[in-house]
Amino acid sequence: MSRILIADDNPLSLQFLLEAMTQLGIDADGADDGAAALTQANRQRYDLLLLDNRMPKLSGPDVLKHLRTIGISTPAIATSAEVTPALRADLLATGFAQVLEKPLSLATLENALRPYFAMTLIKPISPETSHIPTTDITKFGPLLDDAAALPGVGGDRIILHALRQLLVDELAAIPDEFARLDKSRDHAALRERLHRLQASAGFCGASVLAAACTKLRRLIDAPGNSTESHIEELRQTAAATLVALRDLSR
């Protein structure tokens, strides 16, 4: 039976991808870091690997390199929350067959996986989902965009609700996490945290939050820029998004 291994250290991203495989009728196993992915790929034969570029312990490229050195030639696709032309070229040169940018839609996944699996959507994407109105709750604008999020989960509101509950847990920890990162001035750790938060926000249709993450990441990478006001802006956006998510659950 055909099977895929999915590795992603972001719990929300991993759950979305596993749910997507269920909808596509593909058996899937999940790993929450590169080391776990390497262990699983050694133990079991897979028809495809879907590896996140940046993970703890071992990155996606590191996992692929290790597997190739021991003779495992399973085809692999890379995922990343921000794909630049240079990163895409590097990942393809490493041996990945494709590079997909997160957040992914179900349709994008289906197209990417079609060469490897015979798929039938268990829950077809409804054409009406693109017309679902957005949720505009606060002065920050449409913090939760259902029209953007639902096509990615095949129009399944139950899956979207489950993903947003994970985002609630993630956002609740943001104030303490960012206070520690701000105090330590560890830009590498802050950049990595923003990378994961951007992916989570994208899967949930939290487009304002995702844009704030992208903006702050770019400022960190630009020498001489002050990030203090933008970190505060991100905190406020995260707080407003958390309120919006909790309001939806009432």
Foldseek 3Di string as FASTA:
>chain_A
DAEEEEEAQQVLQQLLVCLLCVQFVHHYDYHNFLVRSLVVVVVDPHQEYEFEQDGPPAGPLRSLVVCVVVPNDRAYEYEFQDDDPVNQVVVVVSPHPYYYHPPAASVRVCVVCVVRDDTDGPQAADPCLLVDQADADDPLGRQFGSNQQCRRNSNDVVSLLVLLVSLLVVLVCVVVVVVVCVVVVPLVVLLVVLRSNLRSSNNNRRVSLNVLSVVLNVQSVDPPHDCVVSSVVNNVSSVVSSVVSVVVVD
